[in-house]
N, C-alpha and C. Protein backbone atom coordinates (compact mmCIF):
# COMPACT_ATOMS: atom_id res chain seq x y z
N MET A 1 -9.83 12.88 -3.56
CA MET A 1 -11.21 11.92 -4.17
C MET A 1 -11.30 11.76 -6.01
N SER A 2 -11.76 13.27 -5.92
CA SER A 2 -12.46 13.10 -7.67
C SER A 2 -11.24 13.92 -8.12
N GLU A 3 -11.53 13.88 -9.25
CA GLU A 3 -10.02 14.21 -10.95
C GLU A 3 -9.92 15.50 -10.58
N ASN A 4 -11.86 16.18 -10.39
CA ASN A 4 -11.65 18.05 -10.53
C ASN A 4 -11.27 18.86 -9.16
N ARG A 5 -10.87 17.77 -8.43
CA ARG A 5 -10.51 18.22 -7.02
C ARG A 5 -11.40 18.67 -6.00
N LYS A 6 -12.84 18.66 -6.84
CA LYS A 6 -14.08 19.09 -5.89
C LYS A 6 -14.20 18.64 -4.72
N THR A 7 -14.70 19.10 -3.68
CA THR A 7 -14.97 18.02 -2.57
C THR A 7 -16.26 17.07 -2.37
N LYS A 8 -15.63 15.42 -2.06
CA LYS A 8 -17.04 14.90 -2.61
C LYS A 8 -16.68 14.10 -1.56
N LEU A 9 -17.93 13.71 -0.64
CA LEU A 9 -18.57 13.10 0.46
C LEU A 9 -18.62 11.48 -0.14
N SER A 10 -17.38 10.40 0.69
CA SER A 10 -17.14 9.03 0.60
C SER A 10 -19.26 8.94 0.57
N SER A 11 -19.93 7.42 -0.25
CA SER A 11 -21.22 6.68 0.35
C SER A 11 -21.31 6.67 1.40
N ILE A 12 -20.63 6.12 1.57
CA ILE A 12 -20.69 5.08 3.20
C ILE A 12 -20.46 6.29 4.53
N SER A 13 -19.53 6.42 4.01
CA SER A 13 -18.30 6.83 5.33
C SER A 13 -19.42 8.43 6.16
N ARG A 14 -19.03 9.12 4.66
CA ARG A 14 -19.63 10.32 4.38
C ARG A 14 -18.25 11.19 4.55
N ALA A 15 -17.06 10.24 4.23
CA ALA A 15 -16.14 11.16 4.57
C ALA A 15 -15.50 12.30 3.83
N ALA A 16 -14.75 13.11 3.65
CA ALA A 16 -14.45 13.91 2.44
C ALA A 16 -12.85 13.98 2.66
N THR A 17 -11.81 13.43 2.98
CA THR A 17 -10.50 12.51 2.92
C THR A 17 -10.38 11.24 2.98
N LEU A 18 -8.97 11.17 2.47
CA LEU A 18 -8.98 9.91 2.67
C LEU A 18 -8.87 9.69 3.90
N GLU A 19 -7.90 10.11 5.12
CA GLU A 19 -7.69 9.55 6.15
C GLU A 19 -9.27 9.63 6.69
N GLN A 20 -10.38 10.43 6.74
CA GLN A 20 -11.47 10.80 7.61
C GLN A 20 -12.01 8.92 6.79
N ILE A 21 -11.71 8.37 5.31
CA ILE A 21 -12.72 6.91 5.38
C ILE A 21 -11.90 6.40 6.34
N GLY A 22 -10.41 6.13 5.90
CA GLY A 22 -9.88 5.40 7.07
C GLY A 22 -9.45 5.18 7.96
N GLU A 23 -9.88 6.15 8.47
CA GLU A 23 -10.91 6.15 10.47
C GLU A 23 -11.90 5.73 10.47
N PHE A 24 -12.73 5.95 9.35
CA PHE A 24 -14.14 5.33 9.60
C PHE A 24 -14.06 3.84 9.44
N TRP A 25 -13.77 3.01 8.49
CA TRP A 25 -13.50 1.75 8.14
C TRP A 25 -12.40 1.12 9.15
N ASP A 26 -11.39 1.62 10.28
CA ASP A 26 -10.48 1.03 10.94
C ASP A 26 -11.94 0.82 12.44
N THR A 27 -13.20 1.46 12.24
CA THR A 27 -13.78 1.00 13.59
C THR A 27 -15.16 0.51 12.91
N HIS A 28 -15.20 0.36 11.18
CA HIS A 28 -16.58 -0.44 11.04
C HIS A 28 -16.32 -1.41 10.62
N SER A 29 -17.87 -2.47 9.82
CA SER A 29 -17.48 -3.73 9.31
C SER A 29 -18.41 -3.35 8.12
N LEU A 30 -17.71 -3.89 7.04
CA LEU A 30 -18.52 -3.83 5.66
C LEU A 30 -19.28 -4.54 5.17
N ASP A 31 -19.21 -5.55 6.77
CA ASP A 31 -20.37 -6.21 6.30
C ASP A 31 -21.71 -5.86 7.30
N ASP A 32 -21.67 -4.30 8.32
CA ASP A 32 -22.70 -3.83 8.19
C ASP A 32 -23.03 -3.27 7.14
N HIS A 33 -22.25 -2.68 6.31
CA HIS A 33 -22.66 -1.16 5.17
C HIS A 33 -23.06 -2.49 3.82
N TRP A 34 -23.03 -3.44 3.54
CA TRP A 34 -23.28 -4.59 2.58
C TRP A 34 -24.01 -3.79 1.51
N GLY A 35 -25.48 -3.99 2.00
CA GLY A 35 -26.50 -3.32 1.45
C GLY A 35 -25.83 -2.01 0.44
N GLU A 36 -25.53 -1.05 1.08
CA GLU A 36 -25.20 0.57 0.53
C GLU A 36 -24.27 0.45 -0.78
N THR A 37 -23.47 -0.49 -0.82
CA THR A 37 -22.23 -1.06 -1.81
C THR A 37 -23.23 -0.65 -3.32
N ARG A 38 -22.24 -0.64 -4.31
CA ARG A 38 -22.66 -0.83 -5.46
C ARG A 38 -21.31 -1.28 -6.45
N GLU A 39 -21.83 -2.12 -7.18
CA GLU A 39 -20.54 -2.78 -8.07
C GLU A 39 -20.01 -1.92 -8.72
N ALA A 40 -18.33 -2.26 -8.80
CA ALA A 40 -17.26 -0.99 -8.97
C ALA A 40 -16.71 -1.94 -10.73
N ASP A 41 -16.33 -1.24 -11.60
CA ASP A 41 -15.62 -1.53 -12.69
C ASP A 41 -14.57 -0.79 -12.79
N PHE A 42 -13.59 -1.07 -12.42
CA PHE A 42 -12.21 -0.45 -13.19
C PHE A 42 -11.20 -1.29 -13.29
N THR A 43 -10.11 -0.96 -14.09
CA THR A 43 -8.59 -1.58 -14.16
C THR A 43 -7.57 -1.21 -13.78
N VAL A 44 -6.56 -2.25 -13.45
CA VAL A 44 -5.68 -2.71 -12.10
C VAL A 44 -4.38 -1.86 -13.41
N ARG A 45 -3.40 -1.09 -13.36
CA ARG A 45 -2.33 -1.66 -14.39
C ARG A 45 -1.16 -1.24 -13.05
N ALA A 46 -0.42 -2.96 -13.56
CA ALA A 46 0.10 -2.90 -12.10
C ALA A 46 1.41 -3.24 -13.11
N LEU A 47 2.93 -3.02 -12.71
CA LEU A 47 3.72 -3.53 -13.66
C LEU A 47 4.53 -4.64 -12.59
N GLN A 48 4.85 -5.60 -13.86
CA GLN A 48 4.43 -6.89 -13.49
C GLN A 48 6.31 -6.72 -11.97
N ARG A 49 5.79 -7.56 -11.15
CA ARG A 49 7.35 -8.08 -10.45
C ARG A 49 8.16 -9.22 -11.09
N ARG A 50 9.41 -8.88 -10.75
CA ARG A 50 10.39 -9.58 -10.61
C ARG A 50 10.96 -10.08 -9.36
N ARG A 51 11.06 -12.45 -9.41
CA ARG A 51 11.21 -12.07 -7.87
C ARG A 51 13.12 -13.03 -8.12
N ILE A 52 13.38 -12.76 -6.91
CA ILE A 52 15.19 -12.73 -7.08
C ILE A 52 15.40 -13.70 -5.58
N THR A 53 16.12 -14.53 -5.58
CA THR A 53 16.03 -15.80 -4.33
C THR A 53 17.46 -14.50 -4.02
N VAL A 54 17.07 -14.56 -2.35
CA VAL A 54 18.46 -14.55 -1.84
C VAL A 54 18.63 -16.07 -0.27
N ASP A 55 19.39 -15.54 -0.03
CA ASP A 55 19.92 -16.79 0.55
C ASP A 55 19.05 -16.23 2.38
N PRO A 56 19.13 -17.62 3.19
CA PRO A 56 18.08 -17.42 3.56
C PRO A 56 18.72 -17.25 5.22
N ILE A 57 19.56 -16.85 5.05
CA ILE A 57 20.99 -16.20 6.11
C ILE A 57 20.79 -14.73 6.13
N LEU A 58 21.03 -14.40 5.20
CA LEU A 58 20.68 -12.91 4.64
C LEU A 58 19.61 -12.29 4.56
N TYR A 59 18.75 -13.05 5.01
CA TYR A 59 17.15 -13.05 4.02
C TYR A 59 17.04 -12.36 6.27
N GLN A 60 17.64 -13.18 6.33
CA GLN A 60 17.20 -12.95 8.15
C GLN A 60 17.80 -11.88 8.73
N GLU A 61 19.24 -11.85 8.39
CA GLU A 61 19.55 -10.47 8.47
C GLU A 61 18.73 -8.99 7.66
N LEU A 62 18.37 -8.69 6.66
CA LEU A 62 17.47 -8.13 6.05
C LEU A 62 16.15 -8.07 6.77
N GLU A 63 15.45 -9.05 7.15
CA GLU A 63 14.08 -8.80 7.97
C GLU A 63 14.44 -8.22 9.25
N ALA A 64 15.25 -8.49 9.93
CA ALA A 64 15.55 -8.15 11.34
C ALA A 64 16.30 -6.74 11.19
N GLU A 65 16.76 -5.64 9.88
CA GLU A 65 17.06 -4.53 9.65
C GLU A 65 15.68 -3.80 8.96
N ALA A 66 14.86 -4.53 8.61
CA ALA A 66 13.80 -3.71 7.99
C ALA A 66 13.24 -3.80 8.86
N ASN A 67 12.94 -4.46 10.36
CA ASN A 67 11.77 -4.82 11.36
C ASN A 67 12.59 -3.39 11.77
N ILE A 68 13.53 -3.43 12.11
CA ILE A 68 14.52 -1.90 12.85
C ILE A 68 13.87 -0.59 12.57
N ARG A 69 13.68 -0.73 10.95
CA ARG A 69 13.70 0.57 10.55
C ARG A 69 12.10 0.68 9.68
N GLY A 70 11.12 0.40 10.64
CA GLY A 70 9.96 0.13 10.34
C GLY A 70 8.79 -0.45 8.58
N VAL A 71 9.84 -0.88 8.09
CA VAL A 71 9.41 -1.36 6.74
C VAL A 71 9.80 -3.15 6.27
N VAL A 72 9.26 -3.48 5.18
CA VAL A 72 9.28 -4.48 4.89
C VAL A 72 10.14 -4.97 4.52
N PRO A 73 10.77 -6.44 4.09
CA PRO A 73 11.84 -6.36 3.95
C PRO A 73 12.53 -5.95 2.36
N GLU A 74 10.95 -6.21 1.70
CA GLU A 74 11.09 -6.07 0.17
C GLU A 74 11.27 -4.44 -0.02
N THR A 75 10.97 -3.55 0.50
CA THR A 75 10.99 -2.19 0.55
C THR A 75 12.86 -1.93 0.53
N LEU A 76 12.95 -2.31 1.82
CA LEU A 76 14.26 -2.24 1.80
C LEU A 76 15.42 -2.98 1.42
N ALA A 77 15.03 -3.61 0.66
CA ALA A 77 15.81 -4.31 -0.68
C ALA A 77 16.25 -3.36 -1.45
N ASN A 78 14.92 -3.14 -2.54
CA ASN A 78 15.00 -2.36 -3.26
C ASN A 78 15.20 -0.93 -3.09
N LEU A 79 15.31 -0.23 -1.74
CA LEU A 79 16.32 0.87 -1.50
C LEU A 79 17.66 0.63 -1.83
N TRP A 80 17.96 -0.23 -0.95
CA TRP A 80 19.81 -0.74 -1.36
C TRP A 80 19.70 -1.26 -2.22
N LEU A 81 19.40 -1.96 -2.74
CA LEU A 81 19.64 -2.17 -4.78
C LEU A 81 19.69 -0.86 -5.68
N ALA A 82 18.65 0.30 -5.66
CA ALA A 82 18.33 1.26 -6.05
C ALA A 82 19.96 2.11 -5.77
N GLU A 83 19.92 2.96 -4.25
CA GLU A 83 21.29 3.18 -4.08
C GLU A 83 22.61 2.71 -4.47
N LYS A 84 22.89 1.20 -4.68
CA LYS A 84 23.93 1.28 -5.39
C LYS A 84 24.15 1.41 -6.74
N LEU A 85 23.13 0.89 -7.09
CA LEU A 85 23.06 0.65 -9.02
C LEU A 85 23.23 2.26 -9.35
N HIS A 86 22.96 3.23 -8.38
CA HIS A 86 22.71 4.16 -8.71
C HIS A 86 24.28 5.19 -8.15
N ALA A 87 24.95 4.59 -7.34
CA ALA A 87 26.46 4.76 -6.97
C ALA A 87 26.99 4.12 -8.08
N SER A 88 27.08 2.93 -8.89
CA SER A 88 27.81 2.46 -9.66
C SER A 88 28.17 3.21 -10.73
N LYS A 89 27.24 4.39 -11.20
CA LYS A 89 27.13 5.07 -12.67
C LYS A 89 27.50 6.09 -12.27
């Protein structure tokens, strides 16, 4: 949680790990703790995404296969595209 790897408790949940924080917020509402929050300033560095169109029937098949594998269709499509591109080199 902290940059220097020292144990630091979350300010609201008092949790020491990301898993514990997740468990806390699975059973608590931010609405009940709003007064304990503070403003945060941070920068998000995300890669720009590109979109491609997929035939609707092909997307249905992709979606069905992704559901079987327990991932979202975009993840499965990216995995398959990466495999195909790496195999062709």
